[in-house]
N, C-alpha and C. Protein backbone atom coordinates (compact mmCIF):
# COMPACT_ATOMS: atom_id res chain seq x y z
N MET A 1 0.93 -1.23 -0.07
CA MET A 1 0.01 0.21 0.13
C MET A 1 0.87 1.47 -0.09
N ALA A 2 0.48 2.14 -0.98
CA ALA A 2 1.51 3.45 -0.98
C ALA A 2 1.21 4.33 0.10
N ALA A 3 2.29 4.72 0.73
CA ALA A 3 2.26 5.83 1.79
C ALA A 3 1.43 7.00 1.48
N LYS A 4 0.75 7.61 2.53
CA LYS A 4 -0.14 8.60 2.36
C LYS A 4 0.47 9.88 2.02
N PRO A 5 0.03 10.57 0.82
CA PRO A 5 0.94 11.78 0.72
C PRO A 5 1.08 12.68 2.14
N LEU A 6 2.11 13.65 2.18
CA LEU A 6 2.38 14.46 3.31
C LEU A 6 1.22 15.57 3.51
N SER A 7 0.71 15.66 2.36
CA SER A 7 -0.20 16.86 2.31
C SER A 7 -1.63 16.18 2.99
N GLU A 8 -1.52 15.10 3.31
CA GLU A 8 -2.92 14.47 3.78
C GLU A 8 -2.75 13.95 5.11
N MET A 9 -1.47 14.32 5.72
CA MET A 9 -1.23 13.87 6.96
C MET A 9 -1.56 14.72 8.01
N THR A 10 -2.11 14.35 9.49
CA THR A 10 -2.35 15.35 10.51
C THR A 10 -0.93 15.56 10.97
N ASN A 11 -0.84 16.63 11.67
CA ASN A 11 0.36 17.07 12.34
C ASN A 11 1.06 16.00 13.45
N GLU A 12 0.12 15.17 14.07
CA GLU A 12 0.47 14.02 14.78
C GLU A 12 1.24 12.94 13.78
N GLU A 13 0.53 12.83 12.80
CA GLU A 13 1.21 11.99 11.88
C GLU A 13 2.38 12.30 11.25
N LEU A 14 2.73 13.43 10.90
CA LEU A 14 3.92 14.19 10.48
C LEU A 14 5.07 14.28 11.60
N TRP A 15 4.52 14.32 12.82
CA TRP A 15 5.47 14.42 14.02
C TRP A 15 6.08 13.19 14.29
N GLN A 16 5.15 11.96 14.23
CA GLN A 16 5.74 10.84 14.28
C GLN A 16 6.80 10.43 13.01
N LEU A 17 6.26 10.67 12.19
CA LEU A 17 7.31 10.43 10.93
C LEU A 17 8.65 11.26 10.87
N PHE A 18 8.59 12.53 11.39
CA PHE A 18 9.67 13.42 11.34
C PHE A 18 9.76 13.69 12.84
N PRO A 19 10.39 12.90 13.74
CA PRO A 19 10.82 13.15 14.95
C PRO A 19 11.99 14.32 15.07
N ILE A 20 11.82 14.87 16.51
CA ILE A 20 13.10 15.92 16.44
C ILE A 20 14.66 14.81 16.63
N VAL A 21 15.47 15.33 15.97
CA VAL A 21 16.55 14.66 15.80
C VAL A 21 17.81 15.50 16.09
N LEU A 22 18.55 15.36 17.14
CA LEU A 22 19.99 16.19 17.32
C LEU A 22 21.01 15.43 16.96
N THR A 23 21.99 16.04 16.22
CA THR A 23 23.07 15.46 15.85
C THR A 23 24.48 16.36 16.56
N GLU A 24 25.60 15.74 16.51
CA GLU A 24 26.77 16.39 16.92
C GLU A 24 27.07 17.31 16.16
N PRO A 25 27.77 18.47 16.25
CA PRO A 25 28.36 19.50 15.38
C PRO A 25 29.05 18.71 14.12
N ARG A 26 28.39 19.17 12.94
CA ARG A 26 29.32 19.02 11.60
C ARG A 26 29.40 20.27 10.67
N ASN A 27 29.83 21.24 11.38
CA ASN A 27 29.74 22.47 10.78
C ASN A 27 30.46 22.52 9.66
N ALA A 28 31.60 21.90 9.38
CA ALA A 28 32.28 21.95 7.97
C ALA A 28 31.37 21.39 6.80
N GLN A 29 30.72 20.20 7.08
CA GLN A 29 29.98 19.60 6.35
C GLN A 29 28.71 20.30 5.88
N TRP A 30 28.04 21.09 7.06
CA TRP A 30 26.86 21.76 6.89
C TRP A 30 27.14 23.12 6.20
N ALA A 31 28.39 23.60 6.14
CA ALA A 31 28.88 24.63 5.47
C ALA A 31 28.86 24.30 3.78
N GLN A 32 29.52 23.35 3.67
CA GLN A 32 29.48 22.94 2.45
C GLN A 32 28.38 22.50 1.78
N SER A 33 27.31 21.72 2.33
CA SER A 33 25.93 21.54 1.93
C SER A 33 25.40 22.91 1.44
N PHE A 34 25.59 24.10 2.25
CA PHE A 34 24.75 25.37 2.23
C PHE A 34 25.31 25.83 1.11
N GLN A 35 26.65 25.81 0.71
CA GLN A 35 27.30 26.51 -0.44
C GLN A 35 26.99 25.90 -1.79
N ARG A 36 26.70 24.59 -1.57
CA ARG A 36 26.37 23.93 -2.91
C ARG A 36 24.74 24.23 -3.34
N GLU A 37 24.16 24.16 -2.28
CA GLU A 37 22.75 24.48 -2.27
C GLU A 37 22.39 26.04 -2.71
N LYS A 38 23.12 26.91 -2.31
CA LYS A 38 23.36 28.23 -2.62
C LYS A 38 23.36 28.48 -3.92
N GLN A 39 24.22 27.69 -4.48
CA GLN A 39 24.59 27.80 -6.05
C GLN A 39 23.71 27.42 -6.98
N ALA A 40 22.89 26.30 -6.41
CA ALA A 40 21.72 25.54 -6.99
C ALA A 40 20.43 26.70 -6.84
N ILE A 41 20.35 27.20 -5.85
CA ILE A 41 19.25 28.24 -5.79
C ILE A 41 19.54 29.42 -6.57
N GLN A 42 20.81 30.00 -6.85
CA GLN A 42 21.19 30.95 -7.42
C GLN A 42 20.97 30.65 -8.90
N SER A 43 21.35 29.59 -9.17
CA SER A 43 21.14 29.10 -10.79
C SER A 43 19.63 29.18 -11.16
N ALA A 44 18.91 28.66 -10.26
CA ALA A 44 17.32 28.26 -10.56
C ALA A 44 16.67 29.59 -10.53
N VAL A 45 16.85 30.58 -9.49
CA VAL A 45 16.07 31.79 -9.38
C VAL A 45 16.45 32.80 -10.52
N GLY A 46 17.90 32.86 -10.45
CA GLY A 46 18.60 34.05 -11.41
C GLY A 46 19.07 35.08 -10.54
N LEU A 47 20.31 35.58 -10.67
CA LEU A 47 20.97 36.46 -9.74
C LEU A 47 20.36 37.85 -9.67
N SER A 48 19.68 38.13 -10.62
CA SER A 48 19.27 39.44 -10.86
C SER A 48 17.76 39.69 -9.71
N HIS A 49 17.34 38.51 -9.37
CA HIS A 49 16.26 38.56 -8.39
C HIS A 49 16.71 38.29 -6.84
N ILE A 50 17.86 37.97 -6.66
CA ILE A 50 18.56 37.68 -5.40
C ILE A 50 19.41 38.80 -4.71
N ILE A 51 19.12 39.21 -3.46
CA ILE A 51 19.84 40.26 -2.79
C ILE A 51 21.01 39.46 -2.11
N ALA A 52 20.62 38.47 -1.48
CA ALA A 52 21.56 37.85 -0.56
C ALA A 52 20.87 36.47 -0.25
N VAL A 53 21.96 35.40 -0.14
CA VAL A 53 21.68 34.20 0.49
C VAL A 53 22.34 33.71 1.85
N HIS A 54 21.87 33.43 2.75
CA HIS A 54 22.29 33.41 4.16
C HIS A 54 21.92 32.10 4.76
N HIS A 55 23.24 31.61 5.37
CA HIS A 55 23.02 30.31 6.12
C HIS A 55 22.48 30.92 7.53
N ILE A 56 21.55 30.33 8.17
CA ILE A 56 20.96 30.59 9.26
C ILE A 56 20.70 29.30 10.25
N GLY A 57 20.23 29.63 11.52
CA GLY A 57 19.81 28.60 12.24
C GLY A 57 21.14 27.55 12.96
N SER A 58 20.57 26.77 13.53
CA SER A 58 21.69 26.10 14.33
C SER A 58 22.83 25.55 13.39
N THR A 59 22.67 25.17 12.19
CA THR A 59 23.71 24.44 11.72
C THR A 59 24.79 25.67 11.36
N ALA A 60 24.44 26.88 11.49
CA ALA A 60 25.13 28.22 10.94
C ALA A 60 25.96 28.48 12.50
N ILE A 61 25.81 27.67 13.42
CA ILE A 61 26.39 28.15 14.77
C ILE A 61 27.47 27.20 15.19
N GLN A 62 28.68 27.52 15.36
CA GLN A 62 29.79 26.75 15.60
C GLN A 62 29.59 25.72 16.98
N GLY A 63 29.67 24.60 16.92
CA GLY A 63 29.74 23.65 17.75
C GLY A 63 28.58 23.41 18.65
N ILE A 64 27.45 23.56 17.97
CA ILE A 64 26.36 23.26 18.98
C ILE A 64 25.46 21.93 18.34
N LEU A 65 24.89 21.14 19.17
CA LEU A 65 24.07 20.17 18.91
C LEU A 65 22.67 20.97 17.94
N ALA A 66 22.44 19.98 16.87
CA ALA A 66 21.59 20.72 16.13
C ALA A 66 20.74 19.74 15.42
N LYS A 67 19.35 20.14 15.13
CA LYS A 67 18.65 19.04 13.83
C LYS A 67 19.73 19.47 12.67
N PRO A 68 19.62 18.35 11.93
CA PRO A 68 20.51 18.31 10.74
C PRO A 68 19.76 18.89 9.51
N THR A 69 18.97 20.19 9.82
CA THR A 69 18.42 20.89 8.81
C THR A 69 19.31 22.27 8.47
N ILE A 70 19.61 22.32 7.32
CA ILE A 70 20.09 23.63 6.94
C ILE A 70 18.92 24.49 6.74
N ASP A 71 19.10 25.76 7.20
CA ASP A 71 17.85 26.82 7.23
C ASP A 71 18.90 27.89 6.12
N ILE A 72 18.20 28.32 5.46
CA ILE A 72 18.84 29.52 4.45
C ILE A 72 17.51 30.32 4.27
N LEU A 73 18.24 31.74 4.59
CA LEU A 73 17.47 33.06 4.42
C LEU A 73 17.81 33.65 2.99
N LEU A 74 16.90 33.52 2.02
CA LEU A 74 16.89 34.07 0.82
C LEU A 74 15.90 35.43 0.58
N GLU A 75 16.92 36.34 0.50
CA GLU A 75 16.46 37.84 0.40
C GLU A 75 16.21 38.01 -1.13
N ILE A 76 15.10 38.42 -1.58
CA ILE A 76 14.85 38.62 -3.10
C ILE A 76 14.35 40.35 -3.14
N THR A 77 14.49 40.66 -4.56
CA THR A 77 14.15 41.84 -4.85
C THR A 77 12.54 42.07 -4.59
N GLY A 78 12.33 43.49 -4.63
CA GLY A 78 10.76 43.55 -4.59
C GLY A 78 9.98 43.22 -5.68
N ASP A 79 10.79 43.12 -6.96
CA ASP A 79 9.96 43.02 -8.22
C ASP A 79 10.06 41.66 -8.65
N THR A 80 10.57 40.53 -7.78
CA THR A 80 10.59 39.26 -8.04
C THR A 80 9.26 38.77 -8.47
N ASP A 81 8.96 37.91 -9.39
CA ASP A 81 7.92 37.03 -9.75
C ASP A 81 7.56 35.97 -8.98
N ILE A 82 6.78 36.09 -8.03
CA ILE A 82 6.54 35.13 -7.15
C ILE A 82 6.16 33.71 -7.55
N HIS A 83 5.36 33.68 -8.50
CA HIS A 83 4.89 32.52 -9.13
C HIS A 83 6.10 31.87 -9.84
N ARG A 84 6.95 32.65 -10.63
CA ARG A 84 8.23 31.96 -11.42
C ARG A 84 9.17 31.72 -10.26
N LEU A 85 9.34 32.23 -9.32
CA LEU A 85 10.14 31.58 -8.25
C LEU A 85 9.67 30.48 -7.56
N MET A 86 8.35 30.15 -7.33
CA MET A 86 8.05 28.89 -6.91
C MET A 86 7.94 27.65 -7.68
N LYS A 87 8.02 28.20 -9.13
CA LYS A 87 8.17 27.05 -10.11
C LYS A 87 9.68 26.76 -10.37
N ALA A 88 10.70 27.81 -10.17
CA ALA A 88 12.12 27.55 -10.17
C ALA A 88 12.50 26.55 -8.95
N MET A 89 11.89 26.96 -7.75
CA MET A 89 12.40 26.26 -6.57
C MET A 89 11.89 24.82 -6.73
N GLU A 90 10.72 24.59 -7.20
CA GLU A 90 9.99 23.35 -7.21
C GLU A 90 10.95 22.49 -8.51
N GLU A 91 11.57 23.12 -9.35
CA GLU A 91 12.36 22.47 -10.37
C GLU A 91 13.54 21.66 -9.83
N ILE A 92 14.11 22.34 -8.68
CA ILE A 92 15.30 21.77 -7.92
C ILE A 92 15.02 21.20 -6.57
N GLY A 93 13.44 20.42 -6.54
CA GLY A 93 13.30 19.67 -5.64
C GLY A 93 12.54 20.05 -4.44
N TYR A 94 12.06 21.46 -4.41
CA TYR A 94 11.40 22.02 -3.04
C TYR A 94 10.08 21.96 -3.31
N GLY A 95 9.46 21.76 -1.84
CA GLY A 95 7.84 21.90 -1.86
C GLY A 95 7.65 23.23 -1.26
N TYR A 96 6.42 23.74 -1.58
CA TYR A 96 5.97 24.98 -1.08
C TYR A 96 5.44 24.98 0.22
N ASN A 97 5.53 25.84 1.13
CA ASN A 97 5.12 25.78 2.58
C ASN A 97 4.60 27.21 2.72
N ASP A 98 3.15 27.48 2.64
CA ASP A 98 2.50 28.77 2.89
C ASP A 98 2.84 29.12 4.30
N ARG A 99 3.37 30.41 4.54
CA ARG A 99 3.65 30.70 6.05
C ARG A 99 2.89 32.33 6.21
N PRO A 100 1.50 32.29 6.34
CA PRO A 100 1.21 33.66 6.89
C PRO A 100 1.55 34.48 7.99
N ASP A 101 2.54 33.63 8.79
CA ASP A 101 2.65 34.07 9.90
C ASP A 101 4.19 34.85 9.96
N SER A 102 4.81 34.59 8.59
CA SER A 102 6.11 35.07 8.24
C SER A 102 6.26 35.97 7.66
N PRO A 103 7.32 37.04 7.71
CA PRO A 103 7.28 38.17 6.62
C PRO A 103 7.32 38.24 5.58
N PRO A 104 6.59 39.08 4.70
CA PRO A 104 6.28 38.94 3.07
C PRO A 104 7.52 38.51 2.39
N PRO A 105 7.34 37.36 1.36
CA PRO A 105 6.13 37.25 0.94
C PRO A 105 5.44 36.18 1.52
N HIS A 106 5.61 35.66 2.76
CA HIS A 106 4.80 34.75 3.46
C HIS A 106 5.01 33.51 2.86
N LEU A 107 6.49 33.07 2.65
CA LEU A 107 6.20 31.44 2.30
C LEU A 107 7.94 30.78 2.44
N THR A 108 7.79 29.72 2.57
CA THR A 108 9.05 29.11 2.71
C THR A 108 9.01 27.66 1.77
N PHE A 109 10.28 27.24 1.34
CA PHE A 109 10.24 25.96 0.77
C PHE A 109 11.20 24.86 1.51
N ILE A 110 10.66 23.57 1.35
CA ILE A 110 11.31 22.63 2.29
C ILE A 110 11.65 21.33 1.04
N LYS A 111 12.86 20.74 1.42
CA LYS A 111 13.25 19.61 0.79
C LYS A 111 14.09 18.72 1.83
N GLY A 112 13.51 17.51 1.53
CA GLY A 112 14.20 16.13 2.08
C GLY A 112 13.27 15.55 3.00
N TYR A 113 11.75 15.85 2.73
CA TYR A 113 10.67 15.04 3.35
C TYR A 113 10.04 14.54 2.51
N THR A 114 9.67 13.22 2.95
CA THR A 114 9.02 12.27 1.96
C THR A 114 8.08 11.36 2.79
N PRO A 115 6.96 10.91 2.14
CA PRO A 115 5.94 9.93 2.92
C PRO A 115 6.72 8.68 3.70
N GLU A 116 8.04 8.35 3.17
CA GLU A 116 8.58 7.37 4.00
C GLU A 116 9.57 8.06 5.21
N GLY A 117 9.71 9.23 5.03
CA GLY A 117 10.65 9.88 6.30
C GLY A 117 11.50 10.82 5.75
N PHE A 118 12.62 11.09 6.45
CA PHE A 118 13.73 12.06 5.88
C PHE A 118 14.58 11.33 4.60
N LYS A 119 14.68 12.20 3.63
CA LYS A 119 15.48 11.55 2.64
C LYS A 119 16.79 12.65 2.27
N GLY A 120 17.97 12.04 2.31
CA GLY A 120 18.87 13.28 2.19
C GLY A 120 18.96 14.20 2.98
N GLN A 121 19.81 15.33 2.67
CA GLN A 121 20.00 16.53 3.50
C GLN A 121 18.54 17.18 3.39
N VAL A 122 18.04 17.94 4.48
CA VAL A 122 16.86 18.67 4.68
C VAL A 122 17.24 19.89 4.83
N PHE A 123 16.54 20.77 3.92
CA PHE A 123 16.63 22.09 3.62
C PHE A 123 15.32 22.92 4.03
N HIS A 124 15.65 23.93 4.51
CA HIS A 124 14.57 24.91 4.75
C HIS A 124 14.77 26.38 4.27
N VAL A 125 14.24 26.84 3.23
CA VAL A 125 14.48 28.04 2.49
C VAL A 125 13.33 29.11 2.84
N HIS A 126 13.70 30.27 3.53
CA HIS A 126 12.97 31.18 4.22
C HIS A 126 12.92 32.51 3.15
N ILE A 127 11.85 32.59 2.37
CA ILE A 127 11.93 33.71 1.59
C ILE A 127 11.49 35.17 2.10
N ARG A 128 12.41 36.09 1.94
CA ARG A 128 12.32 37.56 2.62
C ARG A 128 12.37 38.57 1.23
N TYR A 129 11.97 39.62 1.74
CA TYR A 129 12.52 40.88 0.86
C TYR A 129 13.56 41.10 1.76
N GLU A 130 14.31 42.34 1.14
CA GLU A 130 15.42 42.79 1.78
C GLU A 130 15.04 43.35 3.45
N GLY A 131 15.91 43.32 4.34
CA GLY A 131 15.80 43.79 5.62
C GLY A 131 16.80 43.32 6.63
N ASP A 132 16.53 43.97 7.68
CA ASP A 132 17.37 43.71 9.01
C ASP A 132 17.16 42.57 9.53
N TRP A 133 17.45 41.60 9.54
CA TRP A 133 16.57 40.20 9.99
C TRP A 133 17.32 39.60 11.28
N PRO A 134 16.38 39.35 12.47
CA PRO A 134 17.16 39.07 13.47
C PRO A 134 17.90 37.63 13.51
N GLU A 135 17.50 36.83 12.61
CA GLU A 135 18.06 35.41 12.56
C GLU A 135 19.67 35.87 12.28
N LEU A 136 20.12 36.68 11.51
CA LEU A 136 21.56 36.86 11.11
C LEU A 136 22.11 37.53 12.60
N HIS A 137 21.52 38.09 13.41
CA HIS A 137 22.25 38.83 14.30
C HIS A 137 22.22 37.91 15.62
N PHE A 138 21.18 36.90 15.71
CA PHE A 138 21.33 35.66 16.46
C PHE A 138 22.40 34.74 16.01
N ARG A 139 22.61 34.32 14.99
CA ARG A 139 23.57 33.39 14.71
C ARG A 139 25.14 34.13 14.99
N ASP A 140 25.17 35.31 14.56
CA ASP A 140 26.52 36.00 14.86
C ASP A 140 26.86 36.07 16.44
N TYR A 141 25.78 36.64 17.14
CA TYR A 141 25.84 36.79 18.38
C TYR A 141 26.25 35.31 19.20
N MET A 142 25.59 34.45 18.66
CA MET A 142 25.91 32.97 19.56
C MET A 142 27.16 32.72 19.01
N ASN A 143 27.64 32.75 17.84
CA ASN A 143 28.91 32.31 17.29
C ASN A 143 30.26 33.20 17.90
N ALA A 144 29.70 34.23 18.68
CA ALA A 144 30.78 35.07 19.32
C ALA A 144 30.89 34.86 20.93
N HIS A 145 29.65 33.89 21.32
CA HIS A 145 29.55 33.66 23.01
C HIS A 145 29.38 32.19 23.11
N PRO A 146 30.58 31.58 23.12
CA PRO A 146 30.41 30.13 23.25
C PRO A 146 29.51 29.42 24.59
N ASN A 147 29.51 30.45 25.60
CA ASN A 147 28.98 30.11 26.77
C ASN A 147 27.49 29.99 26.71
N LEU A 148 26.79 30.75 25.65
CA LEU A 148 25.64 30.65 25.35
C LEU A 148 25.38 29.32 24.32
N VAL A 149 26.34 28.96 23.68
CA VAL A 149 26.11 27.95 22.92
C VAL A 149 25.75 26.59 23.74
N GLU A 150 26.74 26.47 24.67
CA GLU A 150 26.43 25.24 25.57
C GLU A 150 25.09 25.26 26.21
N GLU A 151 24.86 26.40 26.46
CA GLU A 151 23.32 26.67 27.28
C GLU A 151 22.28 26.23 26.36
N TYR A 152 22.21 26.51 24.92
CA TYR A 152 21.28 26.39 24.14
C TYR A 152 21.33 24.98 24.00
N ALA A 153 22.43 24.38 23.79
CA ALA A 153 22.58 22.92 23.37
C ALA A 153 21.92 22.07 24.62
N GLN A 154 22.23 22.69 25.88
CA GLN A 154 21.59 21.66 27.11
C GLN A 154 20.09 21.85 27.02
N LEU A 155 19.46 23.18 26.49
CA LEU A 155 18.13 23.34 26.64
C LEU A 155 17.46 22.45 25.39
N LYS A 156 18.21 22.25 24.21
CA LYS A 156 17.83 21.64 22.99
C LYS A 156 17.60 19.95 23.54
N LEU A 157 18.61 19.48 24.37
CA LEU A 157 18.64 18.00 24.91
C LEU A 157 17.29 17.90 25.71
N GLU A 158 17.15 18.93 26.58
CA GLU A 158 16.01 18.86 27.55
C GLU A 158 14.48 18.65 26.75
N LEU A 159 14.62 19.60 25.93
CA LEU A 159 13.34 19.60 25.14
C LEU A 159 13.09 18.39 24.29
N LYS A 160 14.10 17.93 23.59
CA LYS A 160 14.08 16.76 22.58
C LYS A 160 13.56 15.72 23.75
N LYS A 161 13.90 15.64 24.90
CA LYS A 161 13.43 14.39 25.55
C LYS A 161 11.96 14.63 25.91
N ARG A 162 11.32 15.66 25.91
CA ARG A 162 9.91 16.21 26.34
C ARG A 162 8.98 16.17 25.10
N PHE A 163 9.66 16.68 23.93
CA PHE A 163 8.79 16.97 22.81
C PHE A 163 9.50 16.31 21.39
N GLU A 164 10.00 15.24 21.62
CA GLU A 164 10.44 14.48 20.40
C GLU A 164 9.67 14.44 19.23
N GLN A 165 8.30 14.27 19.60
CA GLN A 165 7.35 14.15 18.49
C GLN A 165 6.27 15.05 18.53
N ASP A 166 6.70 16.30 18.76
CA ASP A 166 5.86 17.58 18.81
C ASP A 166 6.89 18.61 18.33
N ARG A 167 7.07 18.89 17.04
CA ARG A 167 7.83 19.84 16.78
C ARG A 167 7.66 21.28 16.95
N ASP A 168 6.24 21.63 16.84
CA ASP A 168 5.60 22.95 17.30
C ASP A 168 6.05 23.18 18.61
N GLU A 169 5.73 22.36 19.50
CA GLU A 169 6.05 22.89 21.08
C GLU A 169 7.52 22.81 21.24
N TYR A 170 8.29 21.87 20.70
CA TYR A 170 9.80 22.01 20.68
C TYR A 170 10.34 23.35 20.39
N THR A 171 9.61 23.71 19.15
CA THR A 171 10.15 25.21 18.70
C THR A 171 9.74 26.50 19.71
N ARG A 172 8.26 26.35 20.18
CA ARG A 172 7.87 27.12 20.85
C ARG A 172 8.64 27.31 22.30
N GLN A 173 9.15 26.25 22.90
CA GLN A 173 9.69 26.15 24.12
C GLN A 173 11.01 26.86 24.09
N LYS A 174 11.59 26.90 22.94
CA LYS A 174 12.70 27.66 22.84
C LYS A 174 12.87 29.18 22.89
N GLY A 175 11.71 29.53 22.59
CA GLY A 175 11.15 31.09 22.56
C GLY A 175 11.85 31.71 23.81
N ASP A 176 11.77 31.59 25.01
CA ASP A 176 12.32 32.22 25.86
C ASP A 176 14.04 32.69 25.89
N PHE A 177 14.54 31.50 25.47
CA PHE A 177 16.11 31.56 25.30
C PHE A 177 16.47 32.41 24.06
N ILE A 178 15.68 32.44 23.11
CA ILE A 178 15.97 33.24 21.85
C ILE A 178 15.55 34.76 22.30
N GLN A 179 14.31 35.00 23.02
CA GLN A 179 14.15 36.40 23.47
C GLN A 179 15.11 36.89 24.32
N LYS A 180 15.86 35.93 25.29
CA LYS A 180 16.80 36.50 26.03
C LYS A 180 18.00 36.90 25.37
N VAL A 181 18.44 36.18 24.17
CA VAL A 181 19.73 36.55 23.35
C VAL A 181 19.29 37.99 22.46
N GLN A 182 18.20 37.79 22.10
CA GLN A 182 17.69 39.11 21.56
C GLN A 182 17.94 40.45 22.32
N LYS A 183 17.51 40.16 23.58
CA LYS A 183 17.63 41.51 24.28
C LYS A 183 19.17 41.52 24.70
N LEU A 184 19.94 40.49 24.74
CA LEU A 184 21.41 40.84 24.86
C LEU A 184 21.99 41.58 23.78
N ILE A 185 21.59 41.22 22.60
CA ILE A 185 22.10 41.74 21.18
C ILE A 185 21.51 43.25 21.25
N GLU A 186 20.38 43.52 21.97
CA GLU A 186 19.91 45.09 21.86
C GLU A 186 20.85 45.78 22.83
N GLN A 187 21.16 45.18 23.90
CA GLN A 187 21.81 45.81 24.94
C GLN A 187 23.25 46.13 24.42
N GLU A 188 23.79 45.19 23.75
CA GLU A 188 25.10 45.49 23.03
C GLU A 188 25.12 46.34 22.11
N LYS A 189 24.03 46.43 21.23
CA LYS A 189 23.84 47.56 20.22
C LYS A 189 23.74 48.96 20.75
N SER A 190 23.02 49.02 21.95
CA SER A 190 22.80 50.21 22.66
C SER A 190 23.96 51.02 23.30
N ALA A 191 24.66 49.86 23.82
CA ALA A 191 26.17 50.39 24.50
C ALA A 191 27.01 50.74 23.32
N ASP A 192 27.09 50.06 22.31
CA ASP A 192 27.97 50.68 21.14
C ASP A 192 27.37 52.26 20.52
N GLU A 193 26.12 52.19 20.41
CA GLU A 193 25.75 53.48 19.89
C GLU A 193 26.16 54.50 21.02
N GLY A 194 26.14 54.14 22.34
CA GLY A 194 26.06 55.22 23.32
C GLY A 194 27.67 55.73 23.50
N VAL A 195 28.69 54.99 22.90
CA VAL A 195 29.95 55.33 23.00
C VAL A 195 30.44 56.61 22.43
N THR A 196 30.75 57.56 22.85
CA THR A 196 31.23 58.57 22.29
C THR A 196 32.43 58.53 21.50
N GLN A 197 32.41 58.93 20.09
CA GLN A 197 33.41 58.80 19.22
C GLN A 197 34.31 60.13 19.40
N PRO A 198 35.85 59.60 19.38
CA PRO A 198 36.63 60.90 19.48
C PRO A 198 36.66 61.96 18.59
N ILE A 199 36.95 62.98 18.69
CA ILE A 199 36.98 64.09 17.76
C ILE A 199 38.32 64.23 17.18
N PRO A 200 38.25 63.87 15.68
CA PRO A 200 39.60 64.05 14.75
C PRO A 200 40.35 65.24 15.39
N GLY A 201 41.56 64.91 15.57
CA GLY A 201 42.68 65.91 15.99
C GLY A 201 42.78 66.33 17.49
N LYS A 202 41.82 65.62 18.18
CA LYS A 202 41.87 66.07 19.68
C LYS A 202 42.62 64.94 20.55
């Protein structure tokens, strides 16, 4: 009997099929996979419509336990034809995910999910117009603060034990930590802006 299509599965069925998996850091491998996928996306979408392609998420943070999912933030120009973009991403193996809760144009693409489970490298591509995105600041701040990396890793392990087959709750429970880091980023930014710059010649 053929497996039920993913689009027909309930959240509970999807969570059983795709449980939370944490792996030891493989940053060099993940960076190489990101670069290959970046090139594939650039070729498919066209450089004239791309502002930047960023590696975000835990696989972009050095030395941390992570779901082996490579998150990509794709910034596009405001005049990008979204229907053509969707077709281009489909041609390189991505499925479309409508995300009304995400910033415009409210969509992501995913690769590596099949009715039989994970297959190959999993990618999530988050589509955004140009902006100052918190995911980039979070990545950079975490890479600069190894003590927070260890704290985040321990939190992930605890949450995996509790929510291995509830991806939504696993993500929600990380919210307090992420907000804490965002506040630290804002405090550091405010401190930097408050530093009086020396007057040339003085």
